[in-house]
Amino acid sequence: MSAPTHTRPHSAIRGGVEVRLPWWALVLPALAFAMLLLVILNPADAHAAGGDPAVGHLFERIQETVLRQGS
């Protein structure tokens, strides 16, 4: 009596892997990145930081550049 052989699924033969992510797996990291970028680029919220003023000027220049390119 011979044992039944198991065949590979069609996708395994092609070598492709199908991965299905939920919608929030892509949206949440993008949203977190956007929020952190807004916090960094908003110099009005940085008044409590007592660091080097050159860093603040650098962030202001970056914000101006980003806003100018987005318009």
Protein backbone atom coordinates (compact mmCIF):
# COMPACT_ATOMS: atom_id res chain seq x y z
CA MET A 1 0.00 0.00 0.00
CA SER A 2 1.51 3.32 -1.03
CA ALA A 3 1.24 6.51 1.00
CA PRO A 4 -0.38 9.52 -0.66
CA THR A 5 2.06 12.21 -1.70
CA HIS A 6 1.43 15.83 -0.90
CA THR A 7 1.90 18.29 -3.72
CA ARG A 8 3.05 21.83 -3.23
CA PRO A 9 0.58 24.67 -3.66
CA HIS A 10 0.81 26.58 -6.92
CA SER A 11 2.34 29.70 -5.30
CA ALA A 12 5.15 27.65 -3.76
CA ILE A 13 6.12 26.35 -7.18
CA ARG A 14 6.44 29.89 -8.55
CA GLY A 15 8.48 30.98 -5.54
CA GLY A 16 6.15 33.88 -4.74
CA VAL A 17 4.91 34.64 -1.25
CA GLU A 18 1.54 36.25 -0.74
CA VAL A 19 1.38 38.52 2.28
CA ARG A 20 -1.77 40.40 3.18
CA LEU A 21 -1.39 43.23 5.66
CA PRO A 22 -4.29 44.91 7.39
CA TRP A 23 -4.91 48.55 6.46
CA TRP A 24 -3.69 49.84 9.81
CA ALA A 25 -0.30 48.16 9.40
CA LEU A 26 0.51 50.74 6.72
CA VAL A 27 -1.47 53.72 7.98
CA LEU A 28 -0.24 53.80 11.60
CA PRO A 29 3.51 54.03 10.84
CA ALA A 30 2.84 56.69 8.19
CA LEU A 31 0.67 58.66 10.61
CA ALA A 32 3.26 58.39 13.38
CA PHE A 33 6.00 59.60 11.02
CA ALA A 34 3.89 62.57 9.91
CA MET A 35 3.08 63.54 13.50
CA LEU A 36 6.72 63.35 14.59
CA LEU A 37 7.75 65.40 11.57
CA LEU A 38 5.21 68.08 12.46
CA VAL A 39 6.43 68.19 16.05
CA ILE A 40 10.02 68.59 14.93
CA LEU A 41 9.30 71.22 12.28
CA ASN A 42 6.99 73.41 14.37
CA PRO A 43 9.29 75.98 16.03
CA ALA A 44 6.39 77.53 18.00
CA ASP A 45 6.24 74.42 20.20
CA ALA A 46 10.00 74.39 20.75
CA HIS A 47 10.14 77.41 23.10
CA ALA A 48 10.94 75.19 26.11
CA ALA A 49 14.03 73.71 24.47
CA GLY A 50 17.18 75.36 25.77
CA GLY A 51 19.52 74.07 23.09
CA ASP A 52 21.65 75.75 20.49
CA PRO A 53 19.70 78.42 18.55
CA ALA A 54 21.37 77.25 15.33
CA VAL A 55 19.37 74.03 15.54
CA GLY A 56 16.15 76.03 15.73
CA HIS A 57 17.19 78.08 12.71
CA LEU A 58 17.97 74.87 10.82
CA PHE A 59 14.52 73.47 11.57
CA GLU A 60 12.92 76.74 10.47
CA ARG A 61 14.80 76.58 7.15
CA ILE A 62 13.71 72.97 6.65
CA GLN A 63 10.10 73.91 7.40
CA GLU A 64 10.22 76.82 4.94
CA THR A 65 11.66 74.54 2.27
CA VAL A 66 9.05 71.84 2.84
CA LEU A 67 6.18 74.32 2.85
CA ARG A 68 7.49 76.06 -0.27
CA GLN A 69 7.81 72.74 -2.15
CA GLY A 70 4.33 71.62 -1.05
CA SER A 71 2.62 74.74 -2.45
